[in-house]
Amino acid sequence: MTLHRKHGSADPDAVAVAAVDLDESGWLLDEDTGEPVAEHHLAAYFAERLAPPAWATDIMVYVHGWQTAPRSAARAADRLRDLAERAFTTSPHRYPRLAETGFRPWAVVVRWPSSSRIGRTGYELIRERAHAMGARGGTGYAAHVLGRLLGYLDAERPDPAEAPVLANREGQYLHLVGHSFGCRFLCEAVQWAAEASIGDTLSWSMAEALPSRPFTADSMLLFQMAAPRDAFGSLFPSLLPDAAGAHDGAPLRGPVVTTYSRHDRATGFWHLRAERERGIGHSGMAPIPLEPSRIRLLPTAERYPFDVLNHRFVSVDASAFYVRGRRLNPAGAHSDHLRPESAHLLLSLADCSR
């Protein structure tokens, strides 16, 4: 399950990226046998394979999107993690709170079968698979398994009182990062966690709710999300507290941030033909259920004001930077998010989470 070692480190615990693999139903596969892990063994399996390293200040859970092979998914997670770490190392003054606590990220990449033929048919196939794997009330289990994974990571993050090695008094921070259809999996997982009653999931929403346990997901960054523009009102209504008081909303301490680019043909051209409207990754979030903070992706030398990120939803226009697509790839700039400006946004969210 361990994939990449931290650069220049001989420490066997200094593994920068670990992985979990899901089958087409969204269930967890055993790394050694390739067989599904039994329900009653999920917690033990996570404990055996995914102990957050003591050196890490931040945990990043990355779920990839369309047309991403397992090795490519691992490389993408490591690339984004490495870009963020290098940006902080070279310019710590841009992230003053991180400069006080340090920034040593550890990543878990969630891999799922997302490959198909390029084109509308292939896009629709993976859209339907992603929906079947993650949607509640169906035969898919991705939300359940990811909810359990996030709950495990949340529980295993060191308590500040028991982890004096960390300069950060809040312990380890947890950041959720998705790309394309992977964004749906993350939203379904935290929404399931908001509604689930079992004890080993993320189970509360606001940091002030339980002062003795100040942990929850600290940010959610969704790159080029393959979902309708009104998805946060229609598909993921439980991310926010229920008006009738049935639940307190998803366990998200920080904002939900989405990027979009007019050069993204997958969520523009193909999404339009598959769902009769362009997706979030092309045109940004609709003002449903709340009007998001609307900003542009900034160059690495320009700091994000706290006030523009301090919202439940933030919609980021990345059209000036997400412009490239692979030759002859009709997805356009759909996967052009692995760049320094994206790492700068991720770092800024980590900085604000302090």
Protein backbone atom coordinates (compact mmCIF):
# COMPACT_ATOMS: atom_id res chain seq x y z
CA MET A 1 0.00 0.00 0.00
CA THR A 2 2.94 2.34 0.56
CA LEU A 3 4.01 3.92 -2.68
CA HIS A 4 6.44 6.80 -2.42
CA ARG A 5 9.15 7.58 0.13
CA LYS A 6 9.84 11.12 1.20
CA HIS A 7 12.66 12.61 -0.86
CA GLY A 8 16.10 12.11 0.56
CA SER A 9 14.92 10.17 3.61
CA ALA A 10 16.19 6.79 4.81
CA ASP A 11 13.55 6.68 7.54
CA PRO A 12 11.29 3.66 6.85
CA ASP A 13 8.36 5.60 8.32
CA ALA A 14 8.91 8.55 5.98
CA VAL A 15 6.49 7.35 3.30
CA ALA A 16 4.87 10.31 1.57
CA VAL A 17 2.00 8.57 -0.27
CA ALA A 18 -0.07 5.50 0.59
CA ALA A 19 -2.95 4.01 -1.39
CA VAL A 20 -6.25 2.20 -1.04
CA ASP A 21 -8.02 0.53 -3.94
CA LEU A 22 -11.75 0.14 -4.59
CA ASP A 23 -13.49 -2.29 -6.93
CA GLU A 24 -16.36 -1.39 -9.30
CA SER A 25 -18.85 -1.61 -6.45
CA GLY A 26 -16.79 0.84 -4.37
CA TRP A 27 -15.64 -1.79 -1.87
CA LEU A 28 -12.11 -1.93 -0.45
CA LEU A 29 -9.71 -4.46 -1.95
CA ASP A 30 -7.00 -6.21 0.05
CA GLU A 31 -3.58 -5.07 -1.14
CA ASP A 32 -2.10 -8.57 -0.89
CA THR A 33 -4.89 -10.76 -2.26
CA GLY A 34 -6.91 -8.40 -4.43
CA GLU A 35 -10.04 -9.71 -2.72
CA PRO A 36 -12.68 -7.57 -0.96
CA VAL A 37 -11.96 -6.83 2.69
CA ALA A 38 -14.65 -8.17 5.01
CA GLU A 39 -16.93 -5.57 6.60
CA HIS A 40 -15.93 -6.53 10.13
CA HIS A 41 -12.24 -6.22 9.23
CA LEU A 42 -12.30 -2.72 7.73
CA ALA A 43 -11.15 -0.89 10.87
CA ALA A 44 -8.39 -3.43 11.54
CA TYR A 45 -7.26 -3.29 7.92
CA PHE A 46 -6.95 0.49 8.03
CA ALA A 47 -5.06 0.25 11.31
CA GLU A 48 -2.64 -2.29 9.83
CA ARG A 49 -1.97 -0.39 6.62
CA LEU A 50 -2.67 3.30 7.12
CA ALA A 51 -1.23 4.58 10.37
CA PRO A 52 -0.60 8.33 9.90
CA PRO A 53 3.14 8.92 10.40
CA ALA A 54 4.19 10.95 13.42
CA TRP A 55 6.28 13.32 11.28
CA ALA A 56 3.26 14.56 9.30
CA THR A 57 1.55 17.83 10.15
CA ASP A 58 -1.12 17.49 7.45
CA ILE A 59 -2.98 14.50 5.98
CA MET A 60 -4.24 14.80 2.40
CA VAL A 61 -6.81 12.33 1.06
CA TYR A 62 -6.78 12.47 -2.76
CA VAL A 63 -9.45 10.82 -4.95
CA HIS A 64 -8.69 10.85 -8.67
CA GLY A 65 -11.02 11.24 -11.61
CA TRP A 66 -11.75 10.00 -15.13
CA GLN A 67 -9.13 8.20 -17.23
CA THR A 68 -6.61 7.70 -14.41
CA ALA A 69 -4.71 4.44 -14.09
CA PRO A 70 -3.59 3.34 -10.59
CA ARG A 71 0.04 4.37 -11.06
CA SER A 72 -1.03 7.67 -12.59
CA ALA A 73 -3.29 8.30 -9.60
CA ALA A 74 -0.40 7.71 -7.22
CA ARG A 75 1.83 10.01 -9.25
CA ALA A 76 -0.85 12.71 -9.29
CA ALA A 77 -1.26 12.62 -5.51
CA ASP A 78 2.50 12.68 -5.03
CA ARG A 79 2.91 15.50 -7.55
CA LEU A 80 0.40 17.73 -5.79
CA ARG A 81 1.84 16.87 -2.37
CA ASP A 82 5.38 17.57 -3.61
CA LEU A 83 4.39 20.87 -5.26
CA ALA A 84 2.82 22.03 -1.99
CA GLU A 85 5.79 20.96 0.11
CA ARG A 86 8.28 22.63 -2.23
CA ALA A 87 6.24 25.83 -2.40
CA PHE A 88 6.18 26.05 1.37
CA THR A 89 9.90 25.29 1.67
CA THR A 90 10.89 27.96 -0.84
CA SER A 91 8.41 30.67 0.27
CA PRO A 92 7.28 30.08 3.87
CA HIS A 93 6.57 33.81 4.33
CA ARG A 94 3.50 33.45 2.11
CA TYR A 95 1.96 31.09 4.67
CA PRO A 96 2.65 32.69 8.06
CA ARG A 97 0.64 30.26 10.18
CA LEU A 98 2.28 27.29 8.51
CA ALA A 99 5.65 28.94 9.09
CA GLU A 100 4.96 28.70 12.81
CA THR A 101 3.87 25.06 12.80
CA GLY A 102 5.67 23.57 9.81
CA PHE A 103 4.13 21.79 6.85
CA ARG A 104 4.99 18.12 6.27
CA PRO A 105 2.18 16.53 4.22
CA TRP A 106 1.32 12.85 4.03
CA ALA A 107 -1.10 11.68 1.33
CA VAL A 108 -3.51 8.80 0.93
CA VAL A 109 -4.65 8.23 -2.65
CA VAL A 110 -7.97 6.46 -3.22
CA ARG A 111 -7.93 4.55 -6.50
CA TRP A 112 -10.94 3.22 -8.40
CA PRO A 113 -11.56 1.82 -11.92
CA SER A 114 -12.02 5.01 -13.96
CA SER A 115 -10.64 4.10 -17.38
CA SER A 116 -12.80 4.07 -20.50
CA ARG A 117 -12.70 5.01 -24.15
CA ILE A 118 -12.17 8.70 -24.82
CA GLY A 119 -15.35 10.43 -25.92
CA ARG A 120 -18.98 10.81 -24.96
CA THR A 121 -19.68 7.08 -24.56
CA GLY A 122 -16.68 6.62 -22.31
CA TYR A 123 -17.50 9.72 -20.27
CA GLU A 124 -21.09 8.53 -19.74
CA LEU A 125 -19.87 5.04 -18.77
CA ILE A 126 -17.63 6.38 -16.02
CA ARG A 127 -20.24 8.90 -14.92
CA GLU A 128 -22.70 6.04 -14.40
CA ARG A 129 -20.06 3.91 -12.68
CA ALA A 130 -19.09 6.71 -10.33
CA HIS A 131 -22.74 7.29 -9.49
CA ALA A 132 -23.38 3.58 -8.92
CA MET A 133 -20.27 3.23 -6.75
CA GLY A 134 -20.96 6.23 -4.57
CA ALA A 135 -24.65 7.08 -4.44
CA ARG A 136 -26.55 6.32 -1.27
CA GLY A 137 -29.41 3.84 -1.33
CA GLY A 138 -27.97 1.81 -4.22
CA THR A 139 -25.60 -1.11 -4.55
CA GLY A 140 -22.43 0.98 -4.34
CA TYR A 141 -20.25 1.18 -1.25
CA ALA A 142 -17.70 3.92 -1.95
CA ALA A 143 -19.35 6.45 0.37
CA HIS A 144 -19.50 3.87 3.15
CA VAL A 145 -15.87 2.77 2.74
CA LEU A 146 -14.50 6.30 2.34
CA GLY A 147 -16.57 7.49 5.28
CA ARG A 148 -15.01 4.74 7.37
CA LEU A 149 -11.54 5.63 6.05
CA LEU A 150 -11.97 9.31 6.93
CA GLY A 151 -13.31 8.35 10.33
CA TYR A 152 -10.28 6.16 10.93
CA LEU A 153 -7.84 8.88 9.90
CA ASP A 154 -9.71 11.38 12.05
CA ALA A 155 -9.53 9.09 15.08
CA GLU A 156 -5.86 8.25 14.51
CA ARG A 157 -4.63 11.83 14.22
CA PRO A 158 -2.55 12.53 17.32
CA ASP A 159 -4.28 14.29 20.17
CA PRO A 160 -2.29 17.50 20.84
CA ALA A 161 -1.83 16.49 24.48
CA GLU A 162 -0.33 13.17 23.43
CA ALA A 163 1.76 14.38 20.50
CA PRO A 164 4.24 16.93 21.84
CA VAL A 165 6.52 16.22 18.88
CA LEU A 166 4.17 18.29 16.75
CA ALA A 167 4.74 22.03 16.92
CA ASN A 168 1.12 22.40 15.88
CA ARG A 169 -1.03 22.52 19.00
CA GLU A 170 -4.05 21.32 17.03
CA GLY A 171 -2.48 18.01 16.03
CA GLN A 172 -2.62 16.85 12.41
CA TYR A 173 -4.89 18.59 9.90
CA LEU A 174 -7.03 16.67 7.42
CA HIS A 175 -7.58 17.96 3.88
CA LEU A 176 -9.85 16.31 1.32
CA VAL A 177 -8.81 16.73 -2.33
CA GLY A 178 -10.73 15.40 -5.31
CA HIS A 179 -10.50 15.60 -9.07
CA SER A 180 -13.29 15.12 -11.62
CA PHE A 181 -15.58 12.23 -10.61
CA GLY A 182 -13.44 11.72 -7.52
CA CYS A 183 -15.04 14.87 -6.12
CA ARG A 184 -18.38 13.07 -6.07
CA PHE A 185 -16.95 10.25 -4.01
CA LEU A 186 -15.65 12.65 -1.38
CA CYS A 187 -18.93 14.56 -1.19
CA GLU A 188 -20.90 11.34 -0.88
CA ALA A 189 -18.51 10.08 1.81
CA VAL A 190 -18.75 13.12 4.07
CA GLN A 191 -22.49 13.35 3.45
CA TRP A 192 -22.85 9.70 4.48
CA ALA A 193 -20.76 10.45 7.55
CA ALA A 194 -23.14 13.27 8.45
CA GLU A 195 -26.11 10.91 8.37
CA ALA A 196 -24.54 7.69 9.68
CA SER A 197 -25.11 6.61 13.24
CA ILE A 198 -22.19 4.22 13.73
CA GLY A 199 -19.32 5.45 15.84
CA ASP A 200 -16.25 5.07 13.65
CA THR A 201 -17.02 7.77 11.11
CA LEU A 202 -16.54 11.48 11.19
CA SER A 203 -19.46 12.34 13.40
CA TRP A 204 -19.73 16.06 14.02
CA SER A 205 -19.57 19.22 12.02
CA MET A 206 -18.32 22.24 13.95
CA ALA A 207 -15.09 22.53 15.90
CA GLU A 208 -16.92 24.16 18.80
CA ALA A 209 -19.32 21.24 19.21
CA LEU A 210 -16.90 19.07 21.16
CA PRO A 211 -14.00 21.15 22.52
CA SER A 212 -12.36 18.02 23.91
CA ARG A 213 -11.98 16.59 20.40
CA PRO A 214 -11.15 19.42 17.99
CA PHE A 215 -10.94 17.25 14.88
CA THR A 216 -12.88 17.20 11.64
CA ALA A 217 -12.00 17.66 7.96
CA ASP A 218 -10.29 21.03 7.77
CA SER A 219 -10.81 21.73 4.07
CA MET A 220 -12.25 20.21 0.91
CA LEU A 221 -10.66 21.18 -2.41
CA LEU A 222 -12.43 19.85 -5.51
CA PHE A 223 -10.59 20.26 -8.81
CA GLN A 224 -12.69 20.35 -12.00
CA MET A 225 -15.66 18.59 -10.44
CA ALA A 226 -17.68 16.40 -12.81
CA ALA A 227 -21.16 17.18 -11.46
CA PRO A 228 -24.08 19.50 -12.29
CA ARG A 229 -23.65 23.11 -11.24
CA ASP A 230 -26.41 22.77 -8.63
CA ALA A 231 -24.94 19.54 -7.19
CA PHE A 232 -24.54 20.93 -3.67
CA GLY A 233 -28.27 21.54 -3.54
CA SER A 234 -29.51 18.53 -5.51
CA LEU A 235 -26.99 15.72 -4.96
CA PHE A 236 -25.33 16.63 -1.66
CA PRO A 237 -27.92 18.44 0.47
CA SER A 238 -26.59 16.95 3.72
CA LEU A 239 -23.30 18.84 3.49
CA LEU A 240 -25.12 21.67 5.25
CA PRO A 241 -27.09 21.39 8.52
CA ASP A 242 -30.67 20.24 8.11
CA ALA A 243 -33.20 23.08 8.54
CA ALA A 244 -35.43 20.79 10.60
CA GLY A 245 -32.55 19.85 12.88
CA ALA A 246 -32.31 16.22 11.72
CA HIS A 247 -28.52 16.44 11.45
CA ASP A 248 -25.76 18.97 11.89
CA GLY A 249 -24.36 18.73 8.39
CA ALA A 250 -21.18 17.12 7.13
CA PRO A 251 -18.08 17.12 9.32
CA LEU A 252 -16.38 19.95 7.48
CA ARG A 253 -14.65 22.55 9.57
CA GLY A 254 -13.43 24.59 6.62
CA PRO A 255 -14.78 25.57 3.20
CA VAL A 256 -15.78 23.52 0.19
CA VAL A 257 -13.66 24.94 -2.65
CA THR A 258 -14.22 24.08 -6.32
CA THR A 259 -12.19 25.12 -9.37
CA TYR A 260 -13.43 25.59 -12.91
CA SER A 261 -12.00 26.47 -16.31
CA ARG A 262 -13.69 27.31 -19.58
CA HIS A 263 -10.95 25.19 -21.25
CA ASP A 264 -12.25 22.01 -19.56
CA ARG A 265 -14.03 20.14 -22.36
CA ALA A 266 -14.84 17.07 -20.24
CA THR A 267 -17.15 19.03 -17.92
CA GLY A 268 -18.09 21.43 -20.71
CA PHE A 269 -18.57 19.68 -24.05
CA TRP A 270 -19.04 16.10 -22.84
CA HIS A 271 -20.98 16.97 -19.70
CA LEU A 272 -23.32 19.16 -21.75
CA ARG A 273 -24.15 16.25 -24.03
CA ALA A 274 -24.46 13.73 -21.22
CA GLU A 275 -26.52 15.84 -18.80
CA ARG A 276 -27.81 18.73 -20.96
CA GLU A 277 -25.82 21.31 -19.02
CA ARG A 278 -22.22 22.17 -18.38
CA GLY A 279 -20.68 20.96 -15.15
CA ILE A 280 -19.03 22.66 -12.19
CA GLY A 281 -15.57 22.04 -13.65
CA HIS A 282 -16.40 24.19 -16.67
CA SER A 283 -18.76 26.87 -15.37
CA GLY A 284 -18.45 26.91 -11.59
CA MET A 285 -20.99 26.40 -8.82
CA ALA A 286 -24.54 27.66 -9.11
CA PRO A 287 -25.80 29.74 -6.14
CA ILE A 288 -27.61 26.68 -4.73
CA PRO A 289 -28.02 26.25 -1.80
CA LEU A 290 -25.82 29.27 -0.97
CA GLU A 291 -24.11 31.95 -3.03
CA PRO A 292 -20.43 30.99 -3.07
CA SER A 293 -17.51 33.34 -2.71
CA ARG A 294 -16.38 33.84 -6.31
CA ILE A 295 -12.66 34.40 -6.82
CA ARG A 296 -9.96 33.68 -9.37
CA LEU A 297 -7.04 31.31 -9.01
CA LEU A 298 -4.07 33.41 -7.97
CA PRO A 299 -0.45 33.18 -9.07
CA THR A 300 1.91 31.77 -6.48
CA ALA A 301 3.33 35.17 -5.55
CA GLU A 302 -0.10 36.60 -4.59
CA ARG A 303 -1.63 35.74 -1.23
CA TYR A 304 -5.30 34.84 -0.76
CA PRO A 305 -7.07 37.16 1.69
CA PHE A 306 -8.60 35.17 4.54
CA ASP A 307 -11.98 36.81 3.96
CA VAL A 308 -12.39 35.38 0.45
CA LEU A 309 -11.73 31.81 1.64
CA ASN A 310 -13.70 32.03 4.88
CA HIS A 311 -17.01 30.87 3.35
CA ARG A 312 -18.89 27.58 3.27
CA PHE A 313 -18.54 27.48 -0.54
CA VAL A 314 -15.81 29.05 -2.68
CA SER A 315 -15.88 28.95 -6.50
CA VAL A 316 -12.46 29.54 -8.10
CA ASP A 317 -12.07 30.56 -11.75
CA ALA A 318 -8.88 28.83 -12.92
CA SER A 319 -9.34 29.64 -16.62
CA ALA A 320 -6.15 31.70 -16.72
CA PHE A 321 -4.05 28.70 -15.61
CA TYR A 322 -5.89 25.47 -16.48
CA VAL A 323 -5.49 25.73 -20.24
CA ARG A 324 -3.49 22.72 -21.36
CA GLY A 325 -4.67 19.34 -22.55
CA ARG A 326 -2.79 16.37 -23.89
CA ARG A 327 -2.49 16.19 -27.67
CA LEU A 328 -5.65 14.88 -29.34
CA ASN A 329 -7.37 14.52 -25.96
CA PRO A 330 -10.94 15.81 -26.21
CA ALA A 331 -11.06 16.41 -22.43
CA GLY A 332 -9.17 19.68 -22.90
CA ALA A 333 -7.74 21.15 -19.68
CA HIS A 334 -9.75 18.81 -17.45
CA SER A 335 -6.56 17.40 -15.87
CA ASP A 336 -4.42 20.54 -15.91
CA HIS A 337 -4.66 21.01 -12.14
CA LEU A 338 -1.30 19.53 -11.14
CA ARG A 339 0.53 22.84 -11.14
CA PRO A 340 2.06 25.32 -8.68
CA GLU A 341 -1.02 27.56 -8.57
CA SER A 342 -3.12 24.63 -7.35
CA ALA A 343 -0.58 23.82 -4.66
CA HIS A 344 -0.65 27.49 -3.64
CA LEU A 345 -4.42 27.27 -3.15
CA LEU A 346 -4.07 24.05 -1.16
CA LEU A 347 -1.36 25.62 1.02
CA SER A 348 -3.47 28.72 1.56
CA LEU A 349 -6.36 26.59 2.81
CA ALA A 350 -3.99 24.69 5.10
CA ASP A 351 -2.64 28.02 6.38
CA CYS A 352 -6.13 29.37 7.07
CA SER A 353 -7.12 26.13 8.83
CA ARG A 354 -4.67 27.01 11.58
